[in-house]
C-alpha cells in the first residue's frame, strides 16, 4: 500500500485533520512552523507523524 501525505497549509486545516482522526492514519506535513500551543493541542493525541516546515516533528514511537 502506498503511503499518503496530507498537507496542512494553515492551523485550521491541521485542526480539521486531527478532529477527523486523519492524524492516526496518515503522515501530515504543515507548511507553517510549530508553536507551543499547536504542539500541546496535538501531543495529547496519538499521531502517526506530523512534521512542520521548521523541521520539528511529532512521531509515533
C-alpha atoms as a PDB file:
ATOM      1  CA  UNK A   1       0.000   0.000   0.000  1.00  0.00           C
ATOM      2  CA  UNK A   2       1.222   3.458  -0.862  1.00  0.00           C
ATOM      3  CA  UNK A   3       1.850   5.914   1.993  1.00  0.00           C
ATOM      4  CA  UNK A   4      -0.080   9.149   1.674  1.00  0.00           C
ATOM      5  CA  UNK A   5       0.997  12.534   2.957  1.00  0.00           C
ATOM      6  CA  UNK A   6      -1.559  15.176   3.877  1.00  0.00           C
ATOM      7  CA  UNK A   7      -0.540  18.834   3.537  1.00  0.00           C
ATOM      8  CA  UNK A   8      -1.841  21.408   6.028  1.00  0.00           C
ATOM      9  CA  UNK A   9      -1.191  24.963   4.919  1.00  0.00           C
ATOM     10  CA  UNK A  10      -2.928  26.529   7.936  1.00  0.00           C
ATOM     11  CA  UNK A  11      -3.604  25.598  11.565  1.00  0.00           C
ATOM     12  CA  UNK A  12      -7.315  25.378  10.745  1.00  0.00           C
ATOM     13  CA  UNK A  13      -6.596  22.652   8.177  1.00  0.00           C
ATOM     14  CA  UNK A  14      -4.371  20.805  10.677  1.00  0.00           C
ATOM     15  CA  UNK A  15      -7.142  21.047  13.282  1.00  0.00           C
ATOM     16  CA  UNK A  16      -9.625  19.585  10.783  1.00  0.00           C
ATOM     17  CA  UNK A  17      -7.278  16.666  10.030  1.00  0.00           C
ATOM     18  CA  UNK A  18      -6.844  15.980  13.758  1.00  0.00           C
ATOM     19  CA  UNK A  19     -10.559  16.421  14.565  1.00  0.00           C
ATOM     20  CA  UNK A  20     -11.417  13.860  11.877  1.00  0.00           C
ATOM     21  CA  UNK A  21      -8.820  11.362  13.103  1.00  0.00           C
ATOM     22  CA  UNK A  22      -6.663  11.540   9.983  1.00  0.00           C
ATOM     23  CA  UNK A  23      -3.529  12.092  12.113  1.00  0.00           C
ATOM     24  CA  UNK A  24      -3.728   8.444  13.208  1.00  0.00           C
ATOM     25  CA  UNK A  25      -3.687   7.014   9.674  1.00  0.00           C
ATOM     26  CA  UNK A  26      -1.677   9.477   7.576  1.00  0.00           C
ATOM     27  CA  UNK A  27       1.534  11.473   7.841  1.00  0.00           C
ATOM     28  CA  UNK A  28       0.895  15.228   7.839  1.00  0.00           C
ATOM     29  CA  UNK A  29       3.219  17.990   6.668  1.00  0.00           C
ATOM     30  CA  UNK A  30       2.468  21.507   7.918  1.00  0.00           C
ATOM     31  CA  UNK A  31       3.512  24.442   5.752  1.00  0.00           C
ATOM     32  CA  UNK A  32       3.969  26.604   8.832  1.00  0.00           C
ATOM     33  CA  UNK A  33       6.322  26.488  11.849  1.00  0.00           C
ATOM     34  CA  UNK A  34       5.358  24.710  15.049  1.00  0.00           C
ATOM     35  CA  UNK A  35       4.285  26.626  18.143  1.00  0.00           C
ATOM     36  CA  UNK A  36       3.954  25.535  21.743  1.00  0.00           C
ATOM     37  CA  UNK A  37       0.157  25.788  21.590  1.00  0.00           C
ATOM     38  CA  UNK A  38      -0.089  23.643  18.461  1.00  0.00           C
ATOM     39  CA  UNK A  39       2.226  21.029  19.979  1.00  0.00           C
ATOM     40  CA  UNK A  40       0.283  20.983  23.263  1.00  0.00           C
ATOM     41  CA  UNK A  41      -3.028  20.540  21.420  1.00  0.00           C
ATOM     42  CA  UNK A  42      -1.669  17.618  19.398  1.00  0.00           C
ATOM     43  CA  UNK A  43       0.580  15.847  21.942  1.00  0.00           C
ATOM     44  CA  UNK A  44      -2.383  14.687  23.957  1.00  0.00           C
ATOM     45  CA  UNK A  45      -3.446  12.594  20.952  1.00  0.00           C
ATOM     46  CA  UNK A  46      -1.781   9.657  19.247  1.00  0.00           C
ATOM     47  CA  UNK A  47      -0.166  10.727  15.971  1.00  0.00           C
ATOM     48  CA  UNK A  48       1.449   8.822  13.123  1.00  0.00           C
ATOM     49  CA  UNK A  49       3.747  11.644  12.007  1.00  0.00           C
ATOM     50  CA  UNK A  50       3.331  15.414  11.874  1.00  0.00           C
ATOM     51  CA  UNK A  51       6.207  17.497  10.546  1.00  0.00           C
ATOM     52  CA  UNK A  52       6.383  21.291  10.452  1.00  0.00           C
ATOM     53  CA  UNK A  53       8.273  23.382   7.911  1.00  0.00           C
ATOM     54  CA  UNK A  54      10.844  24.377  10.555  1.00  0.00           C
ATOM     55  CA  UNK A  55      11.892  20.721  10.899  1.00  0.00           C
ATOM     56  CA  UNK A  56      10.061  19.962  14.171  1.00  0.00           C
ATOM     57  CA  UNK A  57       8.406  16.518  14.085  1.00  0.00           C
ATOM     58  CA  UNK A  58       5.953  14.590  16.234  1.00  0.00           C
ATOM     59  CA  UNK A  59       6.077  10.884  15.503  1.00  0.00           C
ATOM     60  CA  UNK A  60       4.665   7.666  16.892  1.00  0.00           C
ATOM     61  CA  UNK A  61       7.358   5.708  18.702  1.00  0.00           C
END
